[in-house]
């Protein structure tokens, strides 16, 4: 009677471990990409709300027909769940009835998230 070798089918332990290592690296890359994406969304939301706060402050000053003194000043300006600081810089223009206003919005001592420029006038 002759004995024939029977070929076994399936994966060896080393092949399975290599496949698991490849899958683990791929999953780690996916988790990292998801984290970067979430941080990007938070940053975009903060910049969007900061720009909205600047627009609101400029519109409020125009509606109240304010004609501010020259110089700089800061005041809190919250928008939604975010607490911002609005910095106003008022400059003279060629015409005395107008003022150039630059609004910069930031979080506490953080970087400037939004900057908006506009004109305010003494005329109605």
N, C-alpha and C. Protein backbone atom coordinates (compact mmCIF):
# COMPACT_ATOMS: atom_id res chain seq x y z
N UNK A 1 0.83 -1.15 0.00
CA UNK A 1 0.00 0.00 0.00
C UNK A 1 0.89 1.24 0.00
N UNK A 2 0.62 2.12 -0.87
CA UNK A 2 1.41 3.35 -0.95
C UNK A 2 0.66 4.46 -0.24
N UNK A 3 1.44 5.22 0.42
CA UNK A 3 0.82 6.36 1.10
C UNK A 3 1.10 7.62 0.28
N UNK A 4 0.05 8.32 0.06
CA UNK A 4 0.18 9.58 -0.65
C UNK A 4 0.09 10.72 0.35
N UNK A 5 0.85 11.71 0.07
CA UNK A 5 0.78 12.88 0.94
C UNK A 5 -0.50 13.64 0.64
N UNK A 6 -1.17 13.95 1.68
CA UNK A 6 -2.40 14.74 1.53
C UNK A 6 -2.04 16.21 1.72
N UNK A 7 -2.39 17.03 0.74
CA UNK A 7 -2.12 18.46 0.85
C UNK A 7 -3.19 19.08 1.74
N UNK A 8 -2.72 19.83 2.68
CA UNK A 8 -3.67 20.52 3.56
C UNK A 8 -3.98 21.88 2.94
N UNK A 9 -5.24 22.23 3.09
CA UNK A 9 -5.67 23.53 2.58
C UNK A 9 -5.89 24.47 3.73
N UNK A 10 -5.65 25.77 3.48
CA UNK A 10 -5.85 26.77 4.52
C UNK A 10 -4.62 27.66 4.63
N UNK A 11 -4.65 28.49 5.64
CA UNK A 11 -3.57 29.46 5.84
C UNK A 11 -2.69 29.02 7.00
N UNK A 12 -1.43 29.36 6.86
CA UNK A 12 -0.53 29.06 7.97
C UNK A 12 -0.65 30.19 9.00
N UNK A 13 -0.11 29.97 10.16
CA UNK A 13 -0.19 30.96 11.23
C UNK A 13 0.53 32.25 10.83
N UNK A 14 1.64 32.13 10.15
CA UNK A 14 2.39 33.33 9.73
C UNK A 14 1.57 34.14 8.73
N UNK A 15 0.91 33.51 7.81
CA UNK A 15 0.08 34.23 6.84
C UNK A 15 -1.06 34.97 7.54
N UNK A 16 -1.65 34.36 8.52
CA UNK A 16 -2.74 35.01 9.27
C UNK A 16 -2.21 36.21 10.04
N UNK A 17 -1.05 36.08 10.68
CA UNK A 17 -0.46 37.18 11.43
C UNK A 17 -0.09 38.35 10.52
N UNK A 18 0.43 38.06 9.35
CA UNK A 18 0.78 39.12 8.40
C UNK A 18 -0.49 39.84 7.94
N UNK A 19 -1.54 39.10 7.66
CA UNK A 19 -2.80 39.71 7.25
C UNK A 19 -3.37 40.59 8.36
N UNK A 20 -3.30 40.13 9.61
CA UNK A 20 -3.78 40.94 10.74
C UNK A 20 -2.95 42.21 10.91
N UNK A 21 -1.65 42.11 10.69
CA UNK A 21 -0.79 43.30 10.80
C UNK A 21 -1.16 44.32 9.72
N UNK A 22 -1.41 43.87 8.51
CA UNK A 22 -1.80 44.78 7.42
C UNK A 22 -3.13 45.44 7.73
N UNK A 23 -4.08 44.67 8.21
CA UNK A 23 -5.39 45.23 8.57
C UNK A 23 -5.25 46.23 9.72
N UNK A 24 -4.40 45.92 10.69
CA UNK A 24 -4.18 46.84 11.82
C UNK A 24 -3.59 48.18 11.38
N UNK A 25 -2.62 48.14 10.47
CA UNK A 25 -2.03 49.38 9.95
C UNK A 25 -3.08 50.19 9.19
N UNK A 26 -3.89 49.52 8.38
CA UNK A 26 -4.93 50.22 7.63
C UNK A 26 -5.96 50.86 8.56
N UNK A 27 -6.36 50.16 9.61
CA UNK A 27 -7.32 50.72 10.57
C UNK A 27 -6.73 51.90 11.32
N UNK A 28 -5.45 51.82 11.68
CA UNK A 28 -4.80 52.94 12.37
C UNK A 28 -4.76 54.17 11.47
N UNK A 29 -4.50 53.98 10.18
CA UNK A 29 -4.50 55.11 9.24
C UNK A 29 -5.89 55.71 9.11
N UNK A 30 -6.92 54.88 9.11
CA UNK A 30 -8.30 55.37 9.02
C UNK A 30 -8.67 56.18 10.27
N UNK A 31 -8.29 55.71 11.44
CA UNK A 31 -8.59 56.42 12.68
C UNK A 31 -7.87 57.76 12.70
N UNK A 32 -6.63 57.81 12.25
CA UNK A 32 -5.87 59.06 12.19
C UNK A 32 -6.53 60.05 11.22
N UNK A 33 -6.95 59.57 10.07
CA UNK A 33 -7.61 60.44 9.09
C UNK A 33 -8.92 60.99 9.65
N UNK A 34 -9.64 60.17 10.37
CA UNK A 34 -10.90 60.60 10.98
C UNK A 34 -10.64 61.68 12.04
N UNK A 35 -9.58 61.51 12.82
CA UNK A 35 -9.23 62.52 13.84
C UNK A 35 -8.85 63.85 13.21
N UNK A 36 -8.06 63.82 12.14
CA UNK A 36 -7.67 65.05 11.44
C UNK A 36 -8.89 65.73 10.85
N UNK A 37 -9.79 64.95 10.31
CA UNK A 37 -11.02 65.49 9.73
C UNK A 37 -11.90 66.15 10.79
N UNK A 38 -12.00 65.53 11.95
CA UNK A 38 -12.81 66.11 13.04
C UNK A 38 -12.21 67.43 13.51
N UNK A 39 -10.88 67.50 13.62
CA UNK A 39 -10.24 68.75 14.01
C UNK A 39 -10.45 69.83 12.97
N UNK A 40 -10.42 69.46 11.71
CA UNK A 40 -10.67 70.42 10.63
C UNK A 40 -12.08 70.98 10.68
N UNK A 41 -13.03 70.13 10.99
CA UNK A 41 -14.43 70.57 11.09
C UNK A 41 -14.60 71.53 12.27
N UNK A 42 -13.96 71.24 13.39
CA UNK A 42 -14.05 72.14 14.55
C UNK A 42 -13.44 73.50 14.23
N UNK A 43 -12.30 73.50 13.56
CA UNK A 43 -11.67 74.76 13.18
C UNK A 43 -12.53 75.56 12.22
N UNK A 44 -13.13 74.88 11.27
CA UNK A 44 -14.01 75.56 10.31
C UNK A 44 -15.23 76.14 11.01
N UNK A 45 -15.78 75.42 11.96
CA UNK A 45 -16.93 75.93 12.71
C UNK A 45 -16.54 77.17 13.51
N UNK A 46 -15.38 77.16 14.14
CA UNK A 46 -14.93 78.32 14.92
C UNK A 46 -14.73 79.53 14.01
N UNK A 47 -14.09 79.33 12.83
CA UNK A 47 -13.88 80.44 11.91
C UNK A 47 -15.20 80.97 11.34
N UNK A 48 -16.11 80.08 11.07
CA UNK A 48 -17.42 80.49 10.55
C UNK A 48 -18.19 81.31 11.59
N UNK A 49 -18.20 80.86 12.84
CA UNK A 49 -18.89 81.60 13.89
C UNK A 49 -18.20 82.93 14.19
N UNK A 50 -16.87 82.98 14.07
CA UNK A 50 -16.14 84.23 14.28
C UNK A 50 -16.50 85.24 13.20
N UNK A 51 -16.59 84.79 11.96
CA UNK A 51 -16.97 85.69 10.88
C UNK A 51 -18.41 86.18 11.06
N UNK A 52 -19.28 85.30 11.51
CA UNK A 52 -20.67 85.70 11.79
C UNK A 52 -20.71 86.75 12.90
N UNK A 53 -19.89 86.59 13.92
CA UNK A 53 -19.83 87.57 15.02
C UNK A 53 -19.36 88.92 14.50
N UNK A 54 -18.36 88.92 13.60
CA UNK A 54 -17.87 90.18 13.04
C UNK A 54 -18.94 90.86 12.20
N UNK A 55 -19.63 90.09 11.37
CA UNK A 55 -20.73 90.64 10.56
C UNK A 55 -21.82 91.22 11.45
N UNK A 56 -22.16 90.50 12.51
CA UNK A 56 -23.19 90.98 13.43
C UNK A 56 -22.79 92.29 14.09
N UNK A 57 -21.55 92.38 14.51
CA UNK A 57 -21.11 93.60 15.19
C UNK A 57 -21.09 94.79 14.23
N UNK A 58 -20.64 94.59 13.01
CA UNK A 58 -20.64 95.67 12.02
C UNK A 58 -22.07 96.10 11.70
N UNK A 59 -22.97 95.14 11.52
CA UNK A 59 -24.37 95.47 11.23
C UNK A 59 -25.01 96.22 12.40
N UNK A 60 -24.70 95.81 13.61
CA UNK A 60 -25.25 96.48 14.79
C UNK A 60 -24.76 97.93 14.87
N UNK A 61 -23.50 98.15 14.58
CA UNK A 61 -22.96 99.51 14.62
C UNK A 61 -23.60 100.38 13.54
N UNK A 62 -23.84 99.80 12.38
CA UNK A 62 -24.49 100.55 11.30
C UNK A 62 -25.94 100.87 11.64
N UNK A 63 -26.63 99.90 12.21
CA UNK A 63 -28.03 100.12 12.57
C UNK A 63 -28.19 101.17 13.66
N UNK A 64 -27.26 101.19 14.60
CA UNK A 64 -27.30 102.19 15.67
C UNK A 64 -26.71 103.52 15.23
N UNK A 65 -26.24 103.57 13.98
CA UNK A 65 -25.62 104.77 13.40
C UNK A 65 -24.51 105.31 14.29
N UNK A 66 -23.68 104.41 14.78
CA UNK A 66 -22.54 104.80 15.61
C UNK A 66 -21.43 105.38 14.74
N UNK A 67 -20.76 106.36 15.27
CA UNK A 67 -19.60 106.96 14.62
C UNK A 67 -18.48 106.97 15.65
N UNK A 68 -17.74 105.86 15.77
CA UNK A 68 -16.78 105.70 16.87
C UNK A 68 -15.57 106.62 16.74
N UNK A 69 -14.93 106.86 17.88
CA UNK A 69 -13.70 107.63 17.91
C UNK A 69 -12.57 106.81 17.29
N UNK A 70 -11.54 107.51 16.85
CA UNK A 70 -10.38 106.84 16.27
C UNK A 70 -9.65 106.04 17.36
N UNK A 71 -9.04 104.94 16.95
CA UNK A 71 -8.27 104.15 17.89
C UNK A 71 -8.69 102.68 17.90
N UNK A 72 -8.26 101.98 18.94
CA UNK A 72 -8.55 100.55 19.07
C UNK A 72 -9.27 100.29 20.38
N UNK A 73 -10.12 99.27 20.34
CA UNK A 73 -10.76 98.80 21.57
C UNK A 73 -11.19 97.35 21.37
N UNK A 74 -11.38 96.67 22.48
CA UNK A 74 -11.80 95.26 22.45
C UNK A 74 -13.03 95.09 23.32
N UNK A 75 -13.86 94.14 22.92
CA UNK A 75 -15.04 93.81 23.74
C UNK A 75 -15.42 92.36 23.45
N UNK A 76 -16.05 91.73 24.42
CA UNK A 76 -16.48 90.35 24.20
C UNK A 76 -17.63 90.30 23.20
N UNK A 77 -17.63 89.28 22.38
CA UNK A 77 -18.72 89.10 21.42
C UNK A 77 -18.91 87.60 21.21
N UNK A 78 -19.88 87.05 21.88
CA UNK A 78 -20.11 85.61 21.77
C UNK A 78 -21.01 85.33 20.57
N UNK A 79 -20.85 84.15 20.04
CA UNK A 79 -21.67 83.72 18.91
C UNK A 79 -21.94 82.25 19.10
N UNK A 80 -23.20 81.90 19.28
CA UNK A 80 -23.53 80.50 19.53
C UNK A 80 -22.85 80.04 20.81
N UNK A 81 -22.24 78.86 20.79
CA UNK A 81 -21.58 78.35 21.99
C UNK A 81 -20.17 78.89 22.20
N UNK A 82 -19.69 79.72 21.27
CA UNK A 82 -18.31 80.19 21.32
C UNK A 82 -18.21 81.57 21.94
N UNK A 83 -17.19 81.75 22.78
CA UNK A 83 -16.90 83.06 23.38
C UNK A 83 -15.73 83.68 22.62
N UNK A 84 -15.95 84.83 22.02
CA UNK A 84 -14.94 85.51 21.22
C UNK A 84 -14.63 86.87 21.82
N UNK A 85 -13.52 87.44 21.36
CA UNK A 85 -13.15 88.82 21.67
C UNK A 85 -13.08 89.55 20.33
N UNK A 86 -13.85 90.63 20.20
CA UNK A 86 -13.85 91.43 18.98
C UNK A 86 -12.97 92.65 19.19
N UNK A 87 -11.97 92.78 18.35
CA UNK A 87 -11.07 93.93 18.40
C UNK A 87 -11.43 94.88 17.27
N UNK A 88 -11.72 96.12 17.62
CA UNK A 88 -12.09 97.12 16.63
C UNK A 88 -10.93 98.10 16.44
N UNK A 89 -10.61 98.37 15.21
CA UNK A 89 -9.61 99.38 14.89
C UNK A 89 -10.29 100.39 13.98
N UNK A 90 -10.39 101.63 14.46
CA UNK A 90 -11.07 102.69 13.72
C UNK A 90 -10.03 103.66 13.19
N UNK A 91 -10.08 103.91 11.89
CA UNK A 91 -9.12 104.80 11.25
C UNK A 91 -9.84 105.91 10.49
N UNK A 92 -9.14 106.98 10.30
CA UNK A 92 -9.65 108.13 9.56
C UNK A 92 -9.65 107.80 8.06
N UNK A 93 -10.55 108.43 7.33
CA UNK A 93 -10.57 108.32 5.88
C UNK A 93 -10.34 109.70 5.28
N UNK A 94 -10.29 109.77 3.96
CA UNK A 94 -10.07 111.05 3.28
C UNK A 94 -11.26 112.00 3.51
N UNK A 95 -12.43 111.43 3.69
CA UNK A 95 -13.64 112.23 3.92
C UNK A 95 -13.97 112.17 5.42
N UNK A 96 -14.16 113.31 6.04
CA UNK A 96 -14.37 113.36 7.49
C UNK A 96 -15.69 112.73 7.95
N UNK A 97 -16.61 112.48 7.04
CA UNK A 97 -17.89 111.90 7.42
C UNK A 97 -17.85 110.38 7.47
N UNK A 98 -16.70 109.78 7.17
CA UNK A 98 -16.57 108.33 7.16
C UNK A 98 -15.44 107.88 8.07
N UNK A 99 -15.58 106.67 8.58
CA UNK A 99 -14.55 106.02 9.37
C UNK A 99 -14.33 104.62 8.80
N UNK A 100 -13.06 104.23 8.70
CA UNK A 100 -12.69 102.87 8.27
C UNK A 100 -12.62 101.99 9.52
N UNK A 101 -13.41 100.93 9.54
CA UNK A 101 -13.46 100.03 10.70
C UNK A 101 -12.92 98.66 10.29
N UNK A 102 -12.00 98.15 11.08
CA UNK A 102 -11.48 96.80 10.89
C UNK A 102 -11.81 96.01 12.15
N UNK A 103 -12.53 94.90 11.98
CA UNK A 103 -12.90 94.03 13.10
C UNK A 103 -12.09 92.74 13.00
N UNK A 104 -11.44 92.39 14.10
CA UNK A 104 -10.72 91.12 14.19
C UNK A 104 -11.34 90.33 15.34
N UNK A 105 -11.62 89.07 15.06
CA UNK A 105 -12.27 88.21 16.06
C UNK A 105 -11.34 87.07 16.39
N UNK A 106 -11.17 86.83 17.70
CA UNK A 106 -10.31 85.75 18.17
C UNK A 106 -10.93 85.13 19.42
N UNK A 107 -10.42 83.97 19.79
CA UNK A 107 -10.81 83.31 21.03
C UNK A 107 -9.75 83.63 22.07
N UNK A 108 -10.14 84.27 23.16
CA UNK A 108 -9.23 84.64 24.26
C UNK A 108 -7.92 85.17 23.70
N UNK A 109 -6.81 84.47 23.92
CA UNK A 109 -5.50 84.92 23.44
C UNK A 109 -5.05 84.15 22.20
N UNK A 110 -5.99 83.53 21.51
CA UNK A 110 -5.66 82.72 20.35
C UNK A 110 -5.43 83.55 19.10
N UNK A 111 -5.20 82.89 17.99
CA UNK A 111 -4.97 83.59 16.73
C UNK A 111 -6.27 84.22 16.21
N UNK A 112 -6.13 85.16 15.30
CA UNK A 112 -7.29 85.80 14.68
C UNK A 112 -8.01 84.78 13.82
N UNK A 113 -9.30 84.60 14.08
CA UNK A 113 -10.10 83.63 13.33
C UNK A 113 -10.82 84.28 12.15
N UNK A 114 -11.15 85.57 12.29
CA UNK A 114 -11.85 86.27 11.21
C UNK A 114 -11.47 87.73 11.24
N UNK A 115 -11.43 88.34 10.07
CA UNK A 115 -11.16 89.77 9.95
C UNK A 115 -12.13 90.34 8.93
N UNK A 116 -12.73 91.47 9.30
CA UNK A 116 -13.74 92.08 8.43
C UNK A 116 -13.52 93.59 8.43
N UNK A 117 -13.58 94.20 7.26
CA UNK A 117 -13.44 95.64 7.15
C UNK A 117 -14.72 96.26 6.63
N UNK A 118 -14.94 97.50 7.02
CA UNK A 118 -16.13 98.19 6.56
C UNK A 118 -16.03 99.69 6.83
N UNK A 119 -16.99 100.41 6.32
CA UNK A 119 -17.05 101.86 6.50
C UNK A 119 -18.27 102.20 7.35
N UNK A 120 -18.09 103.17 8.23
CA UNK A 120 -19.19 103.73 8.99
C UNK A 120 -19.30 105.20 8.60
N UNK A 121 -20.53 105.70 8.54
CA UNK A 121 -20.69 107.07 8.12
C UNK A 121 -21.52 107.85 9.14
N UNK A 122 -21.31 109.15 9.12
CA UNK A 122 -22.07 110.04 9.97
C UNK A 122 -23.45 110.33 9.35
N UNK A 123 -23.52 110.11 8.07
CA UNK A 123 -24.77 110.39 7.35
C UNK A 123 -25.76 109.25 7.54
N UNK A 124 -27.05 109.56 7.57
CA UNK A 124 -28.06 108.50 7.73
C UNK A 124 -28.20 107.62 6.53
